[in-house]
């Protein structure tokens, strides 16, 4: 089975933030191409609520490689809805 890959880099020092705080993304990865940035907080991925790193991991495991999905992030108090197309992890 192919594992979906977004290239998000979690900020493991995020504290009590609800969602998944990003410290960045892998260059040329799907997340970067979708417009995700460091300090974005992922709150929803493909219709799945993301409250922590575990929710994010389960949401990624449910993605289909090559199938575009919506990713919802909070950025500086704004909610943004972006489209991301997962690649397969090599």
PDB file of N, CA and C in Angstrom:
ATOM      1  N   UNK A   1       0.837  -1.197   0.000  1.00  0.00           N
ATOM      2  CA  UNK A   1       0.000   0.000   0.000  1.00  0.00           C
ATOM      3  C   UNK A   1       0.878   1.255   0.000  1.00  0.00           C
ATOM      4  N   UNK A   2       0.527   2.212  -0.824  1.00  0.00           N
ATOM      5  CA  UNK A   2       1.282   3.461  -0.858  1.00  0.00           C
ATOM      6  C   UNK A   2       0.815   4.381   0.258  1.00  0.00           C
ATOM      7  N   UNK A   3       1.769   5.020   0.902  1.00  0.00           N
ATOM      8  CA  UNK A   3       1.467   5.963   1.967  1.00  0.00           C
ATOM      9  C   UNK A   3       1.445   7.369   1.394  1.00  0.00           C
ATOM     10  N   UNK A   4       0.397   8.112   1.701  1.00  0.00           N
ATOM     11  CA  UNK A   4       0.298   9.494   1.233  1.00  0.00           C
ATOM     12  C   UNK A   4       1.313  10.364   1.970  1.00  0.00           C
ATOM     13  N   UNK A   5       1.790  11.378   1.263  1.00  0.00           N
ATOM     14  CA  UNK A   5       2.835  12.258   1.787  1.00  0.00           C
ATOM     15  C   UNK A   5       2.469  13.701   1.454  1.00  0.00           C
ATOM     16  N   UNK A   6       2.526  14.572   2.467  1.00  0.00           N
ATOM     17  CA  UNK A   6       2.241  16.000   2.254  1.00  0.00           C
ATOM     18  C   UNK A   6       3.480  16.868   2.414  1.00  0.00           C
ATOM     19  N   UNK A   7       4.447  16.418   3.219  1.00  0.00           N
ATOM     20  CA  UNK A   7       5.655  17.205   3.438  1.00  0.00           C
ATOM     21  C   UNK A   7       5.500  18.282   4.497  1.00  0.00           C
ATOM     22  N   UNK A   8       4.537  18.108   5.396  1.00  0.00           N
ATOM     23  CA  UNK A   8       4.375  19.057   6.501  1.00  0.00           C
ATOM     24  C   UNK A   8       5.400  18.741   7.581  1.00  0.00           C
ATOM     25  N   UNK A   9       5.917  19.779   8.227  1.00  0.00           N
ATOM     26  CA  UNK A   9       6.864  19.592   9.326  1.00  0.00           C
ATOM     27  C   UNK A   9       6.209  20.159  10.591  1.00  0.00           C
ATOM     28  N   UNK A  10       5.750  19.276  11.491  1.00  0.00           N
ATOM     29  CA  UNK A  10       5.088  19.737  12.712  1.00  0.00           C
ATOM     30  C   UNK A  10       6.051  20.466  13.645  1.00  0.00           C
ATOM     31  N   UNK A  11       5.500  21.401  14.409  1.00  0.00           N
ATOM     32  CA  UNK A  11       6.252  22.071  15.467  1.00  0.00           C
ATOM     33  C   UNK A  11       5.926  21.324  16.756  1.00  0.00           C
ATOM     34  N   UNK A  12       6.865  20.497  17.211  1.00  0.00           N
ATOM     35  CA  UNK A  12       6.604  19.645  18.369  1.00  0.00           C
ATOM     36  C   UNK A  12       6.588  20.409  19.695  1.00  0.00           C
ATOM     37  N   UNK A  13       6.894  21.705  19.665  1.00  0.00           N
ATOM     38  CA  UNK A  13       6.868  22.503  20.894  1.00  0.00           C
ATOM     39  C   UNK A  13       5.594  23.343  20.964  1.00  0.00           C
ATOM     40  N   UNK A  14       4.543  22.921  20.253  1.00  0.00           N
ATOM     41  CA  UNK A  14       3.372  23.771  20.074  1.00  0.00           C
ATOM     42  C   UNK A  14       2.563  24.061  21.333  1.00  0.00           C
ATOM     43  N   UNK A  15       2.720  23.270  22.395  1.00  0.00           N
ATOM     44  CA  UNK A  15       1.975  23.560  23.622  1.00  0.00           C
ATOM     45  C   UNK A  15       0.505  23.208  23.492  1.00  0.00           C
ATOM     46  N   UNK A  16      -0.365  24.069  24.011  1.00  0.00           N
ATOM     47  CA  UNK A  16      -1.802  23.771  24.098  1.00  0.00           C
ATOM     48  C   UNK A  16      -2.619  24.269  22.913  1.00  0.00           C
ATOM     49  N   UNK A  17      -2.034  24.325  21.749  1.00  0.00           N
ATOM     50  CA  UNK A  17      -2.754  24.767  20.559  1.00  0.00           C
ATOM     51  C   UNK A  17      -3.621  23.625  20.062  1.00  0.00           C
ATOM     52  N   UNK A  18      -4.877  23.949  19.727  1.00  0.00           N
ATOM     53  CA  UNK A  18      -5.779  22.940  19.153  1.00  0.00           C
ATOM     54  C   UNK A  18      -5.559  22.933  17.649  1.00  0.00           C
ATOM     55  N   UNK A  19      -5.136  21.782  17.132  1.00  0.00           N
ATOM     56  CA  UNK A  19      -4.764  21.678  15.735  1.00  0.00           C
ATOM     57  C   UNK A  19      -3.320  21.222  15.658  1.00  0.00           C
ATOM     58  N   UNK A  20      -2.716  21.339  14.478  1.00  0.00           N
ATOM     59  CA  UNK A  20      -1.316  20.964  14.321  1.00  0.00           C
ATOM     60  C   UNK A  20      -0.531  22.170  13.827  1.00  0.00           C
ATOM     61  N   UNK A  21       0.311  22.707  14.684  1.00  0.00           N
ATOM     62  CA  UNK A  21       1.156  23.854  14.332  1.00  0.00           C
ATOM     63  C   UNK A  21       2.309  23.371  13.466  1.00  0.00           C
ATOM     64  N   UNK A  22       2.535  24.091  12.360  1.00  0.00           N
ATOM     65  CA  UNK A  22       3.631  23.727  11.466  1.00  0.00           C
ATOM     66  C   UNK A  22       4.855  24.593  11.715  1.00  0.00           C
ATOM     67  N   UNK A  23       6.031  23.947  11.671  1.00  0.00           N
ATOM     68  CA  UNK A  23       7.269  24.725  11.726  1.00  0.00           C
ATOM     69  C   UNK A  23       7.747  24.986  10.303  1.00  0.00           C
ATOM     70  N   UNK A  24       7.122  24.307   9.330  1.00  0.00           N
ATOM     71  CA  UNK A  24       7.475  24.521   7.931  1.00  0.00           C
ATOM     72  C   UNK A  24       7.009  23.365   7.080  1.00  0.00           C
ATOM     73  N   UNK A  25       7.592  23.311   5.888  1.00  0.00           N
ATOM     74  CA  UNK A  25       7.251  22.237   4.967  1.00  0.00           C
ATOM     75  C   UNK A  25       8.456  21.901   4.116  1.00  0.00           C
ATOM     76  N   UNK A  26       8.481  20.681   3.625  1.00  0.00           N
ATOM     77  CA  UNK A  26       9.555  20.248   2.750  1.00  0.00           C
ATOM     78  C   UNK A  26       9.420  20.960   1.409  1.00  0.00           C
ATOM     79  N   UNK A  27      10.519  21.508   0.922  1.00  0.00           N
ATOM     80  CA  UNK A  27      10.516  22.241  -0.341  1.00  0.00           C
ATOM     81  C   UNK A  27       9.995  21.358  -1.476  1.00  0.00           C
ATOM     82  N   UNK A  28       9.172  21.919  -2.330  1.00  0.00           N
ATOM     83  CA  UNK A  28       8.581  21.218  -3.486  1.00  0.00           C
ATOM     84  C   UNK A  28       7.614  20.098  -3.095  1.00  0.00           C
ATOM     85  N   UNK A  29       7.258  19.986  -1.831  1.00  0.00           N
ATOM     86  CA  UNK A  29       6.307  18.966  -1.388  1.00  0.00           C
ATOM     87  C   UNK A  29       4.875  19.480  -1.598  1.00  0.00           C
ATOM     88  N   UNK A  30       3.887  18.580  -1.568  1.00  0.00           N
ATOM     89  CA  UNK A  30       2.502  18.998  -1.777  1.00  0.00           C
ATOM     90  C   UNK A  30       2.040  20.130  -0.856  1.00  0.00           C
ATOM     91  N   UNK A  31       2.425  20.089   0.418  1.00  0.00           N
ATOM     92  CA  UNK A  31       1.996  21.132   1.360  1.00  0.00           C
ATOM     93  C   UNK A  31       2.527  22.508   0.950  1.00  0.00           C
ATOM     94  N   UNK A  32       3.793  22.552   0.542  1.00  0.00           N
ATOM     95  CA  UNK A  32       4.389  23.822   0.099  1.00  0.00           C
ATOM     96  C   UNK A  32       3.701  24.323  -1.167  1.00  0.00           C
ATOM     97  N   UNK A  33       3.447  23.417  -2.110  1.00  0.00           N
ATOM     98  CA  UNK A  33       2.775  23.795  -3.358  1.00  0.00           C
ATOM     99  C   UNK A  33       1.355  24.280  -3.097  1.00  0.00           C
ATOM    100  N   UNK A  34       0.723  23.775  -2.033  1.00  0.00           N
ATOM    101  CA  UNK A  34      -0.642  24.185  -1.683  1.00  0.00           C
ATOM    102  C   UNK A  34      -0.662  25.545  -0.994  1.00  0.00           C
ATOM    103  N   UNK A  35       0.519  26.027  -0.571  1.00  0.00           N
ATOM    104  CA  UNK A  35       0.594  27.335   0.065  1.00  0.00           C
ATOM    105  C   UNK A  35       0.698  27.314   1.579  1.00  0.00           C
ATOM    106  N   UNK A  36       0.887  26.132   2.164  1.00  0.00           N
ATOM    107  CA  UNK A  36       1.051  26.081   3.614  1.00  0.00           C
ATOM    108  C   UNK A  36       2.366  26.730   4.015  1.00  0.00           C
ATOM    109  N   UNK A  37       2.353  27.367   5.183  1.00  0.00           N
ATOM    110  CA  UNK A  37       3.522  28.098   5.665  1.00  0.00           C
ATOM    111  C   UNK A  37       3.814  27.733   7.113  1.00  0.00           C
ATOM    112  N   UNK A  38       5.041  28.040   7.532  1.00  0.00           N
ATOM    113  CA  UNK A  38       5.393  27.897   8.948  1.00  0.00           C
ATOM    114  C   UNK A  38       4.429  28.758   9.750  1.00  0.00           C
ATOM    115  N   UNK A  39       4.067  28.311  10.913  1.00  0.00           N
ATOM    116  CA  UNK A  39       3.122  28.914  11.863  1.00  0.00           C
ATOM    117  C   UNK A  39       1.654  28.713  11.489  1.00  0.00           C
ATOM    118  N   UNK A  40       1.374  28.090  10.331  1.00  0.00           N
ATOM    119  CA  UNK A  40      -0.010  27.707  10.035  1.00  0.00           C
ATOM    120  C   UNK A  40      -0.417  26.625  11.021  1.00  0.00           C
ATOM    121  N   UNK A  41      -1.703  26.593  11.363  1.00  0.00           N
ATOM    122  CA  UNK A  41      -2.241  25.559  12.245  1.00  0.00           C
ATOM    123  C   UNK A  41      -3.272  24.769  11.442  1.00  0.00           C
ATOM    124  N   UNK A  42      -2.979  23.498  11.189  1.00  0.00           N
ATOM    125  CA  UNK A  42      -3.921  22.647  10.459  1.00  0.00           C
ATOM    126  C   UNK A  42      -5.042  22.260  11.417  1.00  0.00           C
ATOM    127  N   UNK A  43      -6.294  22.561  11.006  1.00  0.00           N
ATOM    128  CA  UNK A  43      -7.438  22.218  11.854  1.00  0.00           C
ATOM    129  C   UNK A  43      -8.365  21.186  11.202  1.00  0.00           C
ATOM    130  N   UNK A  44      -8.188  20.961   9.894  1.00  0.00           N
ATOM    131  CA  UNK A  44      -9.010  19.994   9.195  1.00  0.00           C
ATOM    132  C   UNK A  44      -8.256  19.502   7.970  1.00  0.00           C
ATOM    133  N   UNK A  45      -8.306  18.209   7.735  1.00  0.00           N
ATOM    134  CA  UNK A  45      -7.666  17.623   6.558  1.00  0.00           C
ATOM    135  C   UNK A  45      -8.633  16.619   5.951  1.00  0.00           C
ATOM    136  N   UNK A  46      -9.075  16.903   4.739  1.00  0.00           N
ATOM    137  CA  UNK A  46      -9.993  16.013   3.999  1.00  0.00           C
ATOM    138  C   UNK A  46     -11.258  15.710   4.807  1.00  0.00           C
ATOM    139  N   UNK A  47     -11.781  16.722   5.494  1.00  0.00           N
ATOM    140  CA  UNK A  47     -13.013  16.545   6.255  1.00  0.00           C
ATOM    141  C   UNK A  47     -12.841  15.920   7.618  1.00  0.00           C
ATOM    142  N   UNK A  48     -11.593  15.679   8.001  1.00  0.00           N
ATOM    143  CA  UNK A  48     -11.315  15.117   9.333  1.00  0.00           C
ATOM    144  C   UNK A  48     -10.787  16.210  10.243  1.00  0.00           C
ATOM    145  N   UNK A  49     -11.402  16.332  11.418  1.00  0.00           N
ATOM    146  CA  UNK A  49     -10.983  17.319  12.404  1.00  0.00           C
ATOM    147  C   UNK A  49      -9.576  16.983  12.904  1.00  0.00           C
ATOM    148  N   UNK A  50      -8.702  17.973  12.951  1.00  0.00           N
ATOM    149  CA  UNK A  50      -7.330  17.774  13.427  1.00  0.00           C
ATOM    150  C   UNK A  50      -7.125  18.605  14.693  1.00  0.00           C
ATOM    151  N   UNK A  51      -6.970  17.898  15.820  1.00  0.00           N
ATOM    152  CA  UNK A  51      -6.732  18.594  17.086  1.00  0.00           C
ATOM    153  C   UNK A  51      -5.317  18.385  17.594  1.00  0.00           C
ATOM    154  N   UNK A  52      -4.595  17.382  17.027  1.00  0.00           N
ATOM    155  CA  UNK A  52      -3.238  17.085  17.496  1.00  0.00           C
ATOM    156  C   UNK A  52      -2.489  16.282  16.435  1.00  0.00           C
ATOM    157  N   UNK A  53      -1.257  15.931  16.726  1.00  0.00           N
ATOM    158  CA  UNK A  53      -0.407  15.201  15.782  1.00  0.00           C
ATOM    159  C   UNK A  53      -1.013  13.840  15.420  1.00  0.00           C
ATOM    160  N   UNK A  54      -1.705  13.209  16.377  1.00  0.00           N
ATOM    161  CA  UNK A  54      -2.294  11.896  16.116  1.00  0.00           C
ATOM    162  C   UNK A  54      -3.436  12.000  15.109  1.00  0.00           C
ATOM    163  N   UNK A  55      -4.312  12.997  15.292  1.00  0.00           N
ATOM    164  CA  UNK A  55      -5.408  13.221  14.329  1.00  0.00           C
ATOM    165  C   UNK A  55      -4.836  13.471  12.935  1.00  0.00           C
ATOM    166  N   UNK A  56      -3.764  14.245  12.881  1.00  0.00           N
ATOM    167  CA  UNK A  56      -3.122  14.579  11.598  1.00  0.00           C
ATOM    168  C   UNK A  56      -2.584  13.316  10.935  1.00  0.00           C
ATOM    169  N   UNK A  57      -1.936  12.466  11.717  1.00  0.00           N
ATOM    170  CA  UNK A  57      -1.387  11.212  11.197  1.00  0.00           C
ATOM    171  C   UNK A  57      -2.497  10.314  10.655  1.00  0.00           C
ATOM    172  N   UNK A  58      -3.590  10.159  11.415  1.00  0.00           N
ATOM    173  CA  UNK A  58      -4.700   9.321  10.964  1.00  0.00           C
ATOM    174  C   UNK A  58      -5.332   9.893   9.694  1.00  0.00           C
ATOM    175  N   UNK A  59      -5.445  11.213   9.619  1.00  0.00           N
ATOM    176  CA  UNK A  59      -6.037  11.859   8.435  1.00  0.00           C
ATOM    177  C   UNK A  59      -5.166  11.599   7.207  1.00  0.00           C
ATOM    178  N   UNK A  60      -3.840  11.696   7.364  1.00  0.00           N
ATOM    179  CA  UNK A  60      -2.934  11.445   6.234  1.00  0.00           C
ATOM    180  C   UNK A  60      -3.031   9.979   5.796  1.00  0.00           C
ATOM    181  N   UNK A  61      -3.113   9.062   6.763  1.00  0.00           N
ATOM    182  CA  UNK A  61      -3.199   7.639   6.426  1.00  0.00           C
ATOM    183  C   UNK A  61      -4.452   7.322   5.602  1.00  0.00           C
ATOM    184  N   UNK A  62      -5.499   8.140   5.749  1.00  0.00           N
ATOM    185  CA  UNK A  62      -6.761   7.905   5.030  1.00  0.00           C
ATOM    186  C   UNK A  62      -6.766   8.535   3.630  1.00  0.00           C
ATOM    187  N   UNK A  63      -5.753   9.348   3.321  1.00  0.00           N
ATOM    188  CA  UNK A  63      -5.715  10.018   2.020  1.00  0.00           C
ATOM    189  C   UNK A  63      -5.350   9.046   0.907  1.00  0.00           C
ATOM    190  N   UNK A  64      -5.820   9.371  -0.294  1.00  0.00           N
ATOM    191  CA  UNK A  64      -5.454   8.600  -1.478  1.00  0.00           C
ATOM    192  C   UNK A  64      -4.432   9.404  -2.275  1.00  0.00           C
ATOM    193  N   UNK A  65      -3.341   8.760  -2.633  1.00  0.00           N
ATOM    194  CA  UNK A  65      -2.280   9.402  -3.406  1.00  0.00           C
ATOM    195  C   UNK A  65      -2.859   9.930  -4.719  1.00  0.00           C
ATOM    196  N   UNK A  66      -2.559  11.207  -5.015  1.00  0.00           N
ATOM    197  CA  UNK A  66      -3.002  11.813  -6.266  1.00  0.00           C
ATOM    198  C   UNK A  66      -4.405  12.376  -6.244  1.00  0.00           C
ATOM    199  N   UNK A  67      -5.126  12.201  -5.147  1.00  0.00           N
ATOM    200  CA  UNK A  67      -6.507  12.701  -5.052  1.00  0.00           C
ATOM    201  C   UNK A  67      -6.523  13.991  -4.233  1.00  0.00           C
ATOM    202  N   UNK A  68      -6.879  15.104  -4.899  1.00  0.00           N
ATOM    203  CA  UNK A  68      -6.896  16.415  -4.241  1.00  0.00           C
ATOM    204  C   UNK A  68      -7.922  16.448  -3.113  1.00  0.00           C
ATOM    205  N   UNK A  69      -7.515  17.034  -1.996  1.00  0.00           N
ATOM    206  CA  UNK A  69      -8.401  17.193  -0.839  1.00  0.00           C
ATOM    207  C   UNK A  69      -8.269  18.613  -0.309  1.00  0.00           C
ATOM    208  N   UNK A  70      -9.206  18.973   0.548  1.00  0.00           N
ATOM    209  CA  UNK A  70      -9.150  20.294   1.175  1.00  0.00           C
ATOM    210  C   UNK A  70      -8.399  20.193   2.500  1.00  0.00           C
ATOM    211  N   UNK A  71      -7.580  21.207   2.748  1.00  0.00           N
ATOM    212  CA  UNK A  71      -6.899  21.320   4.032  1.00  0.00           C
ATOM    213  C   UNK A  71      -7.240  22.703   4.585  1.00  0.00           C
ATOM    214  N   UNK A  72      -7.702  22.746   5.829  1.00  0.00           N
ATOM    215  CA  UNK A  72      -8.119  24.000   6.448  1.00  0.00           C
ATOM    216  C   UNK A  72      -7.088  24.383   7.494  1.00  0.00           C
ATOM    217  N   UNK A  73      -6.584  25.604   7.386  1.00  0.00           N
ATOM    218  CA  UNK A  73      -5.577  26.084   8.329  1.00  0.00           C
ATOM    219  C   UNK A  73      -6.002  27.421   8.910  1.00  0.00           C
ATOM    220  N   UNK A  74      -5.488  27.688  10.104  1.00  0.00           N
ATOM    221  CA  UNK A  74      -5.620  29.010  10.697  1.00  0.00           C
ATOM    222  C   UNK A  74      -4.278  29.703  10.527  1.00  0.00           C
ATOM    223  N   UNK A  75      -4.318  30.920   9.982  1.00  0.00           N
ATOM    224  CA  UNK A  75      -3.111  31.706   9.776  1.00  0.00           C
ATOM    225  C   UNK A  75      -3.382  33.120  10.267  1.00  0.00           C
ATOM    226  N   UNK A  76      -2.681  33.483  11.333  1.00  0.00           N
ATOM    227  CA  UNK A  76      -2.807  34.839  11.893  1.00  0.00           C
ATOM    228  C   UNK A  76      -4.267  35.224  12.103  1.00  0.00           C
ATOM    229  N   UNK A  77      -5.040  34.312  12.696  1.00  0.00           N
ATOM    230  CA  UNK A  77      -6.431  34.599  13.023  1.00  0.00           C
ATOM    231  C   UNK A  77      -7.419  34.403  11.886  1.00  0.00           C
ATOM    232  N   UNK A  78      -6.938  34.096  10.694  1.00  0.00           N
ATOM    233  CA  UNK A  78      -7.818  33.847   9.550  1.00  0.00           C
ATOM    234  C   UNK A  78      -7.911  32.357   9.283  1.00  0.00           C
ATOM    235  N   UNK A  79      -9.065  31.910   8.811  1.00  0.00           N
ATOM    236  CA  UNK A  79      -9.232  30.515   8.409  1.00  0.00           C
ATOM    237  C   UNK A  79      -9.112  30.438   6.897  1.00  0.00           C
ATOM    238  N   UNK A  80      -8.183  29.635   6.424  1.00  0.00           N
ATOM    239  CA  UNK A  80      -7.951  29.478   4.989  1.00  0.00           C
ATOM    240  C   UNK A  80      -8.265  28.055   4.566  1.00  0.00           C
ATOM    241  N   UNK A  81      -8.924  27.926   3.427  1.00  0.00           N
ATOM    242  CA  UNK A  81      -9.226  26.616   2.843  1.00  0.00           C
ATOM    243  C   UNK A  81      -8.368  26.465   1.604  1.00  0.00           C
ATOM    244  N   UNK A  82      -7.451  25.500   1.657  1.00  0.00           N
ATOM    245  CA  UNK A  82      -6.523  25.272   0.560  1.00  0.00           C
ATOM    246  C   UNK A  82      -6.739  23.885  -0.019  1.00  0.00           C
ATOM    247  N   UNK A  83      -6.262  23.684  -1.225  1.00  0.00           N
ATOM    248  CA  UNK A  83      -6.340  22.365  -1.871  1.00  0.00           C
ATOM    249  C   UNK A  83      -4.952  21.756  -1.912  1.00  0.00           C
ATOM    250  N   UNK A  84      -4.847  20.492  -1.563  1.00  0.00           N
ATOM    251  CA  UNK A  84      -3.552  19.801  -1.577  1.00  0.00           C
ATOM    252  C   UNK A  84      -3.738  18.428  -2.225  1.00  0.00           C
ATOM    253  N   UNK A  85      -2.757  18.041  -3.022  1.00  0.00           N
ATOM    254  CA  UNK A  85      -2.783  16.723  -3.672  1.00  0.00           C
ATOM    255  C   UNK A  85      -1.612  15.899  -3.145  1.00  0.00           C
ATOM    256  N   UNK A  86      -1.909  14.886  -2.315  1.00  0.00           N
ATOM    257  CA  UNK A  86      -0.846  14.069  -1.729  1.00  0.00           C
ATOM    258  C   UNK A  86      -0.060  13.289  -2.787  1.00  0.00           C
ATOM    259  N   UNK A  87       1.216  13.154  -2.546  1.00  0.00           N
ATOM    260  CA  UNK A  87       2.074  12.296  -3.357  1.00  0.00           C
ATOM    261  C   UNK A  87       2.320  11.014  -2.580  1.00  0.00           C
ATOM    262  N   UNK A  88       2.960  10.043  -3.216  1.00  0.00           N
ATOM    263  CA  UNK A  88       3.331   8.837  -2.488  1.00  0.00           C
ATOM    264  C   UNK A  88       4.716   9.022  -1.896  1.00  0.00           C
ATOM    265  N   UNK A  89       4.891   8.480  -0.717  1.00  0.00           N
ATOM    266  CA  UNK A  89       6.191   8.547  -0.054  1.00  0.00           C
ATOM    267  C   UNK A  89       7.123   7.541  -0.714  1.00  0.00           C
ATOM    268  N   UNK A  90       8.304   7.996  -1.121  1.00  0.00           N
ATOM    269  CA  UNK A  90       9.258   7.118  -1.790  1.00  0.00           C
ATOM    270  C   UNK A  90       9.932   6.196  -0.789  1.00  0.00           C
TER     271      UNK A  90
END
